[in-house]
Amino acid sequence: MANSKIQTPAYPSAARLADSDCYPQYTASLKCLEQFNSDKSKCQEHFDVYKECKKKEREARLERNRSRSLFS
């Protein structure tokens, strides 16, 4: 018998990209590439905004992990 229970990822980082706070910046980057026929030079600002968002998201995750104790 198959298990029909939906499982959540073991780690938040394994969550779907669409669940990320940076998803709007990600999609904006892709739309820019579509608009400018994959000319990355015209989309650098979008890439930079996405990269900064991912950096902040990672820092927040590391801070949450720092506040947890493995032995509590």
Protein backbone atom coordinates (compact mmCIF):
# COMPACT_ATOMS: atom_id res chain seq x y z
CA MET A 1 0.00 0.00 0.00
CA ALA A 2 1.45 3.38 -1.01
CA ASN A 3 1.86 6.12 1.53
CA SER A 4 -0.38 8.99 0.41
CA LYS A 5 0.79 11.41 3.11
CA ILE A 6 2.52 14.46 1.64
CA GLN A 7 5.95 14.89 3.15
CA THR A 8 7.61 18.23 3.72
CA PRO A 9 11.32 18.57 2.96
CA ALA A 10 13.63 17.59 5.81
CA TYR A 11 15.42 20.93 5.48
CA PRO A 12 13.92 24.33 4.59
CA SER A 13 16.67 24.79 1.97
CA ALA A 14 15.23 21.78 0.14
CA ALA A 15 11.92 23.56 -0.33
CA ARG A 16 10.63 24.46 -3.75
CA LEU A 17 12.06 27.57 -5.39
CA ALA A 18 8.54 28.99 -5.62
CA ASP A 19 8.44 29.02 -1.80
CA SER A 20 11.51 31.24 -1.59
CA ASP A 21 11.20 34.92 -0.66
CA CYS A 22 13.40 35.55 -3.71
CA TYR A 23 11.04 33.95 -6.21
CA PRO A 24 9.82 37.32 -7.60
CA GLN A 25 13.41 38.37 -8.29
CA TYR A 26 14.12 35.00 -9.88
CA THR A 27 11.13 35.27 -12.23
CA ALA A 28 12.01 38.88 -13.07
CA SER A 29 15.47 37.70 -14.14
CA LEU A 30 13.98 35.02 -16.39
CA LYS A 31 11.48 37.44 -17.93
CA CYS A 32 14.30 39.87 -18.65
CA LEU A 33 16.26 37.14 -20.43
CA GLU A 34 13.20 36.29 -22.50
CA GLN A 35 12.59 39.93 -23.33
CA PHE A 36 16.17 40.55 -24.45
CA ASN A 37 16.74 37.23 -26.24
CA SER A 38 19.08 35.86 -23.55
CA ASP A 39 21.34 38.94 -23.64
CA LYS A 40 22.66 38.69 -20.08
CA SER A 41 24.30 42.11 -20.22
CA LYS A 42 20.87 43.77 -20.36
CA CYS A 43 19.66 41.89 -17.26
CA GLN A 44 22.59 42.37 -14.89
CA GLU A 45 20.55 44.59 -12.54
CA HIS A 46 17.96 41.81 -12.15
CA PHE A 47 20.72 39.27 -11.45
CA ASP A 48 22.28 41.53 -8.82
CA VAL A 49 18.95 42.04 -7.03
CA TYR A 50 18.31 38.28 -7.02
CA LYS A 51 21.84 37.54 -5.79
CA GLU A 52 21.45 40.04 -2.93
CA CYS A 53 18.09 38.54 -1.98
CA LYS A 54 19.56 35.03 -1.89
CA LYS A 55 22.46 36.31 0.24
CA LYS A 56 20.04 37.81 2.79
CA GLU A 57 17.91 34.66 2.75
CA ARG A 58 21.00 32.52 3.43
CA GLU A 59 22.18 34.81 6.24
CA ALA A 60 18.75 34.63 7.89
CA ARG A 61 18.76 30.82 7.64
CA LEU A 62 22.25 30.62 9.16
CA GLU A 63 21.18 32.91 12.00
CA ARG A 64 18.13 30.73 12.71
CA ASN A 65 20.37 27.66 12.76
CA ARG A 66 22.86 29.35 15.09
CA SER A 67 20.12 29.97 17.62
CA ARG A 68 19.21 26.27 17.72
CA SER A 69 21.01 23.80 19.91
CA LEU A 70 21.53 20.21 18.86
CA PHE A 71 21.39 19.03 22.44
CA SER A 72 18.43 20.90 23.91
